[in-house]
Amino acid sequence: KEQLRILRNAFKAFDHDGAGWIEHADVSSILEILGQKLEPPAFCKLAARFIEVEEDVGALQNELKEAFRVYDKEGKGYLTVATLRGILHELDDKISNQDLDSIIEEIDADGSGTVDFDEFMQVMTG
């Protein structure tokens, strides 16, 4: 995850116009800055893996958006802590109340009793 974050930040730094793509030379520069010197075949393999990861992340985010929408029945943009507790218990019926309390305390640090989509993503993706 950390490597992906670093690459994403480097990509954004070189994507000056926000087009969503950068030149091959810029990719080479990024890799050199990160201490990587790749020949074209190795670069192609790396690029293919990065694209797969991005597609997987996008698909996961879409699935989680849909799940959030299903649980946010009134469309308020947040879930109650009680709803999140139920979701986590559905995912792992062996999870202890103490573990649930710890997770919820970490996610709902302000004690509002609600969890927005970003917080939901954080708890669901670790």
N, C-alpha and C. Protein backbone atom coordinates (compact mmCIF):
# COMPACT_ATOMS: atom_id res chain seq x y z
N LYS A 1 0.82 -1.20 0.00
CA LYS A 1 0.00 0.00 0.00
C LYS A 1 0.87 1.26 0.00
N GLU A 2 1.93 1.22 0.79
CA GLU A 2 2.81 2.39 0.88
C GLU A 2 3.47 2.68 -0.46
N GLN A 3 3.93 1.63 -1.15
CA GLN A 3 4.56 1.82 -2.46
C GLN A 3 3.57 2.40 -3.45
N LEU A 4 2.34 1.91 -3.41
CA LEU A 4 1.31 2.41 -4.31
C LEU A 4 1.03 3.89 -4.02
N ARG A 5 1.00 4.27 -2.76
CA ARG A 5 0.77 5.66 -2.38
C ARG A 5 1.91 6.55 -2.90
N ILE A 6 3.14 6.08 -2.76
CA ILE A 6 4.30 6.84 -3.24
C ILE A 6 4.23 7.01 -4.75
N LEU A 7 3.93 5.92 -5.46
CA LEU A 7 3.83 6.00 -6.92
C LEU A 7 2.70 6.93 -7.34
N ARG A 8 1.58 6.85 -6.66
CA ARG A 8 0.44 7.70 -6.99
C ARG A 8 0.81 9.18 -6.80
N ASN A 9 1.48 9.50 -5.71
CA ASN A 9 1.90 10.89 -5.46
C ASN A 9 2.90 11.36 -6.50
N ALA A 10 3.83 10.50 -6.86
CA ALA A 10 4.81 10.85 -7.90
C ALA A 10 4.11 11.07 -9.23
N PHE A 11 3.15 10.22 -9.55
CA PHE A 11 2.39 10.36 -10.79
C PHE A 11 1.69 11.72 -10.81
N LYS A 12 1.03 12.06 -9.72
CA LYS A 12 0.31 13.34 -9.65
C LYS A 12 1.26 14.51 -9.83
N ALA A 13 2.47 14.39 -9.29
CA ALA A 13 3.45 15.47 -9.41
C ALA A 13 3.87 15.69 -10.86
N PHE A 14 3.91 14.63 -11.65
CA PHE A 14 4.32 14.74 -13.05
C PHE A 14 3.13 14.97 -13.99
N ASP A 15 1.93 14.74 -13.53
CA ASP A 15 0.72 14.95 -14.34
C ASP A 15 0.28 16.41 -14.17
N HIS A 16 1.06 17.31 -14.77
CA HIS A 16 0.90 18.75 -14.55
C HIS A 16 -0.48 19.27 -14.94
N ASP A 17 -1.04 18.74 -16.02
CA ASP A 17 -2.33 19.26 -16.49
C ASP A 17 -3.53 18.45 -15.98
N GLY A 18 -3.27 17.44 -15.16
CA GLY A 18 -4.36 16.63 -14.60
C GLY A 18 -5.06 15.76 -15.61
N ALA A 19 -4.37 15.42 -16.70
CA ALA A 19 -4.98 14.63 -17.78
C ALA A 19 -5.16 13.16 -17.41
N GLY A 20 -4.45 12.70 -16.39
CA GLY A 20 -4.56 11.30 -16.00
C GLY A 20 -3.54 10.41 -16.68
N TRP A 21 -2.58 11.00 -17.38
CA TRP A 21 -1.51 10.23 -17.99
C TRP A 21 -0.24 11.08 -18.01
N ILE A 22 0.89 10.39 -18.09
CA ILE A 22 2.18 11.08 -18.18
C ILE A 22 3.01 10.42 -19.27
N GLU A 23 4.01 11.13 -19.72
CA GLU A 23 4.88 10.64 -20.78
C GLU A 23 5.77 9.51 -20.25
N HIS A 24 6.20 8.64 -21.17
CA HIS A 24 7.09 7.53 -20.82
C HIS A 24 8.35 8.05 -20.14
N ALA A 25 8.88 9.16 -20.64
CA ALA A 25 10.10 9.73 -20.05
C ALA A 25 9.87 10.13 -18.59
N ASP A 26 8.66 10.63 -18.30
CA ASP A 26 8.34 10.99 -16.91
C ASP A 26 8.29 9.75 -16.02
N VAL A 27 7.75 8.67 -16.56
CA VAL A 27 7.70 7.41 -15.80
C VAL A 27 9.13 6.96 -15.50
N SER A 28 9.98 7.05 -16.50
CA SER A 28 11.39 6.68 -16.29
C SER A 28 12.03 7.56 -15.22
N SER A 29 11.72 8.85 -15.24
CA SER A 29 12.26 9.77 -14.23
C SER A 29 11.78 9.40 -12.84
N ILE A 30 10.50 9.09 -12.71
CA ILE A 30 9.94 8.70 -11.42
C ILE A 30 10.66 7.46 -10.90
N LEU A 31 10.81 6.47 -11.76
CA LEU A 31 11.45 5.23 -11.34
C LEU A 31 12.91 5.46 -10.95
N GLU A 32 13.60 6.32 -11.70
CA GLU A 32 14.99 6.62 -11.34
C GLU A 32 15.07 7.34 -10.00
N ILE A 33 14.14 8.27 -9.75
CA ILE A 33 14.10 8.98 -8.47
C ILE A 33 13.91 7.97 -7.33
N LEU A 34 13.10 6.94 -7.59
CA LEU A 34 12.83 5.91 -6.59
C LEU A 34 13.91 4.84 -6.56
N GLY A 35 14.98 5.06 -7.36
CA GLY A 35 16.10 4.12 -7.34
C GLY A 35 15.89 2.88 -8.18
N GLN A 36 15.00 2.96 -9.15
CA GLN A 36 14.70 1.81 -10.01
C GLN A 36 15.13 2.12 -11.44
N LYS A 37 15.85 1.22 -12.03
CA LYS A 37 16.23 1.35 -13.45
C LYS A 37 15.67 0.12 -14.14
N LEU A 38 14.65 0.29 -14.94
CA LEU A 38 13.99 -0.85 -15.58
C LEU A 38 14.18 -0.81 -17.09
N GLU A 39 14.49 -1.96 -17.64
CA GLU A 39 14.52 -2.12 -19.08
C GLU A 39 13.08 -2.23 -19.57
N PRO A 40 12.81 -1.97 -20.85
CA PRO A 40 11.43 -1.98 -21.35
C PRO A 40 10.59 -3.21 -20.99
N PRO A 41 11.10 -4.45 -21.10
CA PRO A 41 10.24 -5.59 -20.74
C PRO A 41 9.82 -5.58 -19.26
N ALA A 42 10.77 -5.24 -18.40
CA ALA A 42 10.47 -5.18 -16.97
C ALA A 42 9.50 -4.03 -16.67
N PHE A 43 9.68 -2.92 -17.38
CA PHE A 43 8.79 -1.79 -17.20
C PHE A 43 7.36 -2.16 -17.59
N CYS A 44 7.21 -2.87 -18.70
CA CYS A 44 5.88 -3.29 -19.17
C CYS A 44 5.20 -4.19 -18.14
N LYS A 45 5.97 -5.10 -17.54
CA LYS A 45 5.40 -5.97 -16.50
C LYS A 45 4.94 -5.15 -15.30
N LEU A 46 5.76 -4.19 -14.88
CA LEU A 46 5.41 -3.34 -13.75
C LEU A 46 4.16 -2.52 -14.07
N ALA A 47 4.11 -1.94 -15.25
CA ALA A 47 2.96 -1.13 -15.64
C ALA A 47 1.68 -1.96 -15.65
N ALA A 48 1.76 -3.19 -16.15
CA ALA A 48 0.59 -4.06 -16.19
C ALA A 48 0.09 -4.36 -14.78
N ARG A 49 1.01 -4.60 -13.86
CA ARG A 49 0.61 -4.85 -12.45
C ARG A 49 -0.04 -3.63 -11.84
N PHE A 50 0.51 -2.45 -12.12
CA PHE A 50 -0.04 -1.21 -11.57
C PHE A 50 -1.45 -0.98 -12.10
N ILE A 51 -1.66 -1.23 -13.38
CA ILE A 51 -3.00 -1.06 -13.97
C ILE A 51 -3.98 -2.03 -13.33
N GLU A 52 -3.56 -3.28 -13.13
CA GLU A 52 -4.43 -4.26 -12.48
C GLU A 52 -4.80 -3.82 -11.07
N VAL A 53 -3.83 -3.33 -10.32
CA VAL A 53 -4.09 -2.88 -8.95
C VAL A 53 -5.08 -1.72 -8.97
N GLU A 54 -4.87 -0.76 -9.86
CA GLU A 54 -5.77 0.39 -9.95
C GLU A 54 -7.18 -0.05 -10.30
N GLU A 55 -7.31 -1.01 -11.23
CA GLU A 55 -8.63 -1.52 -11.59
C GLU A 55 -9.28 -2.22 -10.41
N ASP A 56 -8.49 -3.01 -9.67
CA ASP A 56 -9.02 -3.70 -8.49
C ASP A 56 -9.47 -2.70 -7.43
N VAL A 57 -8.68 -1.67 -7.21
CA VAL A 57 -9.02 -0.65 -6.22
C VAL A 57 -10.30 0.06 -6.63
N GLY A 58 -10.41 0.39 -7.91
CA GLY A 58 -11.62 1.05 -8.41
C GLY A 58 -12.85 0.18 -8.26
N ALA A 59 -12.70 -1.10 -8.58
CA ALA A 59 -13.83 -2.03 -8.45
C ALA A 59 -14.23 -2.18 -6.99
N LEU A 60 -13.25 -2.29 -6.11
CA LEU A 60 -13.54 -2.41 -4.68
C LEU A 60 -14.25 -1.17 -4.17
N GLN A 61 -13.76 0.00 -4.58
CA GLN A 61 -14.39 1.24 -4.14
C GLN A 61 -15.83 1.31 -4.62
N ASN A 62 -16.10 0.89 -5.85
CA ASN A 62 -17.47 0.89 -6.36
C ASN A 62 -18.35 -0.06 -5.57
N GLU A 63 -17.83 -1.23 -5.25
CA GLU A 63 -18.60 -2.20 -4.46
C GLU A 63 -18.90 -1.65 -3.07
N LEU A 64 -17.91 -1.01 -2.47
CA LEU A 64 -18.12 -0.45 -1.14
C LEU A 64 -19.08 0.74 -1.17
N LYS A 65 -19.05 1.54 -2.24
CA LYS A 65 -20.02 2.62 -2.38
C LYS A 65 -21.43 2.06 -2.42
N GLU A 66 -21.60 0.99 -3.18
CA GLU A 66 -22.92 0.36 -3.28
C GLU A 66 -23.35 -0.21 -1.93
N ALA A 67 -22.43 -0.87 -1.24
CA ALA A 67 -22.76 -1.42 0.09
C ALA A 67 -23.12 -0.30 1.05
N PHE A 68 -22.37 0.79 1.01
CA PHE A 68 -22.66 1.93 1.88
C PHE A 68 -24.05 2.47 1.58
N ARG A 69 -24.36 2.59 0.29
CA ARG A 69 -25.67 3.10 -0.11
C ARG A 69 -26.79 2.20 0.40
N VAL A 70 -26.58 0.89 0.33
CA VAL A 70 -27.58 -0.06 0.80
C VAL A 70 -27.83 0.12 2.30
N TYR A 71 -26.78 0.29 3.07
CA TYR A 71 -26.92 0.44 4.52
C TYR A 71 -27.37 1.85 4.92
N ASP A 72 -27.08 2.83 4.08
CA ASP A 72 -27.52 4.21 4.34
C ASP A 72 -28.91 4.38 3.72
N LYS A 73 -29.87 3.69 4.29
CA LYS A 73 -31.21 3.61 3.72
C LYS A 73 -31.89 4.96 3.52
N GLU A 74 -31.61 5.91 4.39
CA GLU A 74 -32.25 7.23 4.30
C GLU A 74 -31.44 8.22 3.47
N GLY A 75 -30.27 7.80 2.97
CA GLY A 75 -29.45 8.65 2.12
C GLY A 75 -28.86 9.86 2.83
N LYS A 76 -28.54 9.72 4.10
CA LYS A 76 -28.00 10.84 4.88
C LYS A 76 -26.51 11.05 4.68
N GLY A 77 -25.83 10.08 4.07
CA GLY A 77 -24.39 10.22 3.84
C GLY A 77 -23.55 9.70 4.99
N TYR A 78 -24.18 9.04 5.92
CA TYR A 78 -23.43 8.44 7.03
C TYR A 78 -24.18 7.23 7.55
N LEU A 79 -23.47 6.40 8.27
CA LEU A 79 -24.05 5.25 8.95
C LEU A 79 -23.92 5.49 10.45
N THR A 80 -24.83 4.93 11.20
CA THR A 80 -24.68 5.01 12.65
C THR A 80 -23.64 3.98 13.08
N VAL A 81 -23.06 4.21 14.23
CA VAL A 81 -22.10 3.27 14.79
C VAL A 81 -22.77 1.91 14.99
N ALA A 82 -24.03 1.91 15.36
CA ALA A 82 -24.76 0.65 15.56
C ALA A 82 -24.86 -0.13 14.25
N THR A 83 -25.11 0.58 13.14
CA THR A 83 -25.17 -0.07 11.83
C THR A 83 -23.82 -0.65 11.46
N LEU A 84 -22.75 0.12 11.67
CA LEU A 84 -21.40 -0.37 11.38
C LEU A 84 -21.08 -1.59 12.22
N ARG A 85 -21.47 -1.56 13.48
CA ARG A 85 -21.24 -2.70 14.37
C ARG A 85 -21.93 -3.94 13.78
N GLY A 86 -23.15 -3.78 13.29
CA GLY A 86 -23.89 -4.89 12.69
C GLY A 86 -23.20 -5.42 11.44
N ILE A 87 -22.70 -4.52 10.60
CA ILE A 87 -22.00 -4.92 9.37
C ILE A 87 -20.76 -5.74 9.73
N LEU A 88 -19.97 -5.22 10.65
CA LEU A 88 -18.74 -5.92 11.04
C LEU A 88 -19.05 -7.28 11.65
N HIS A 89 -20.12 -7.34 12.41
CA HIS A 89 -20.51 -8.62 13.01
C HIS A 89 -20.97 -9.61 11.93
N GLU A 90 -21.68 -9.10 10.89
CA GLU A 90 -22.09 -9.96 9.77
C GLU A 90 -20.87 -10.52 9.05
N LEU A 91 -19.84 -9.70 8.89
CA LEU A 91 -18.64 -10.12 8.18
C LEU A 91 -17.82 -11.13 8.98
N ASP A 92 -17.86 -11.02 10.29
CA ASP A 92 -17.11 -11.94 11.16
C ASP A 92 -17.90 -12.15 12.44
N ASP A 93 -18.69 -13.22 12.45
CA ASP A 93 -19.56 -13.45 13.61
C ASP A 93 -18.78 -13.87 14.86
N LYS A 94 -17.49 -14.11 14.71
CA LYS A 94 -16.67 -14.49 15.87
C LYS A 94 -15.96 -13.29 16.50
N ILE A 95 -16.13 -12.11 15.91
CA ILE A 95 -15.46 -10.93 16.43
C ILE A 95 -16.04 -10.58 17.81
N SER A 96 -15.15 -10.28 18.73
CA SER A 96 -15.59 -10.00 20.10
C SER A 96 -16.13 -8.57 20.20
N ASN A 97 -16.95 -8.34 21.21
CA ASN A 97 -17.46 -6.99 21.46
C ASN A 97 -16.32 -6.03 21.76
N GLN A 98 -15.29 -6.53 22.43
CA GLN A 98 -14.13 -5.70 22.74
C GLN A 98 -13.43 -5.25 21.45
N ASP A 99 -13.25 -6.19 20.50
CA ASP A 99 -12.64 -5.84 19.22
C ASP A 99 -13.52 -4.85 18.46
N LEU A 100 -14.83 -5.08 18.47
CA LEU A 100 -15.75 -4.15 17.81
C LEU A 100 -15.63 -2.76 18.42
N ASP A 101 -15.61 -2.71 19.74
CA ASP A 101 -15.48 -1.42 20.43
C ASP A 101 -14.19 -0.70 20.02
N SER A 102 -13.09 -1.46 19.93
CA SER A 102 -11.80 -0.87 19.55
C SER A 102 -11.85 -0.30 18.13
N ILE A 103 -12.42 -1.07 17.21
CA ILE A 103 -12.53 -0.62 15.82
C ILE A 103 -13.37 0.64 15.75
N ILE A 104 -14.50 0.62 16.40
CA ILE A 104 -15.42 1.76 16.34
C ILE A 104 -14.82 2.98 17.02
N GLU A 105 -14.13 2.78 18.12
CA GLU A 105 -13.48 3.90 18.80
C GLU A 105 -12.43 4.55 17.90
N GLU A 106 -11.72 3.73 17.15
CA GLU A 106 -10.69 4.26 16.24
C GLU A 106 -11.33 5.02 15.08
N ILE A 107 -12.39 4.47 14.51
CA ILE A 107 -13.04 5.08 13.35
C ILE A 107 -13.83 6.32 13.76
N ASP A 108 -14.55 6.23 14.85
CA ASP A 108 -15.38 7.34 15.32
C ASP A 108 -14.65 8.09 16.43
N ALA A 109 -13.47 8.60 16.09
CA ALA A 109 -12.61 9.23 17.09
C ALA A 109 -13.26 10.45 17.73
N ASP A 110 -14.13 11.15 16.99
CA ASP A 110 -14.76 12.34 17.55
C ASP A 110 -16.00 12.01 18.38
N GLY A 111 -16.37 10.73 18.43
CA GLY A 111 -17.50 10.30 19.25
C GLY A 111 -18.85 10.77 18.75
N SER A 112 -18.93 11.07 17.45
CA SER A 112 -20.19 11.58 16.89
C SER A 112 -21.27 10.52 16.79
N GLY A 113 -20.86 9.26 16.80
CA GLY A 113 -21.84 8.18 16.67
C GLY A 113 -22.19 7.87 15.22
N THR A 114 -21.47 8.52 14.29
CA THR A 114 -21.72 8.29 12.87
C THR A 114 -20.41 8.00 12.13
N VAL A 115 -20.55 7.37 10.97
CA VAL A 115 -19.42 7.00 10.13
C VAL A 115 -19.75 7.41 8.70
N ASP A 116 -18.92 8.31 8.10
CA ASP A 116 -19.17 8.70 6.71
C ASP A 116 -18.50 7.69 5.77
N PHE A 117 -18.64 7.91 4.45
CA PHE A 117 -18.13 6.94 3.48
C PHE A 117 -16.62 6.75 3.59
N ASP A 118 -15.87 7.84 3.76
CA ASP A 118 -14.41 7.71 3.86
C ASP A 118 -14.01 6.87 5.07
N GLU A 119 -14.69 7.08 6.18
CA GLU A 119 -14.41 6.29 7.38
C GLU A 119 -14.81 4.83 7.15
N PHE A 120 -15.93 4.63 6.46
CA PHE A 120 -16.39 3.28 6.12
C PHE A 120 -15.35 2.58 5.25
N MET A 121 -14.82 3.29 4.24
CA MET A 121 -13.78 2.73 3.37
C MET A 121 -12.57 2.33 4.20
N GLN A 122 -12.19 3.18 5.14
CA GLN A 122 -11.02 2.91 5.98
C GLN A 122 -11.20 1.62 6.76
N VAL A 123 -12.36 1.45 7.37
CA VAL A 123 -12.57 0.26 8.19
C VAL A 123 -12.70 -1.00 7.32
N MET A 124 -13.26 -0.86 6.13
CA MET A 124 -13.48 -2.03 5.28
C MET A 124 -12.22 -2.46 4.52
N THR A 125 -11.30 -1.53 4.32
CA THR A 125 -10.09 -1.87 3.57
C THR A 125 -8.86 -1.98 4.46
N GLY A 126 -9.02 -1.73 5.73
CA GLY A 126 -7.91 -1.88 6.68
C GLY A 126 -6.96 -0.77 6.52
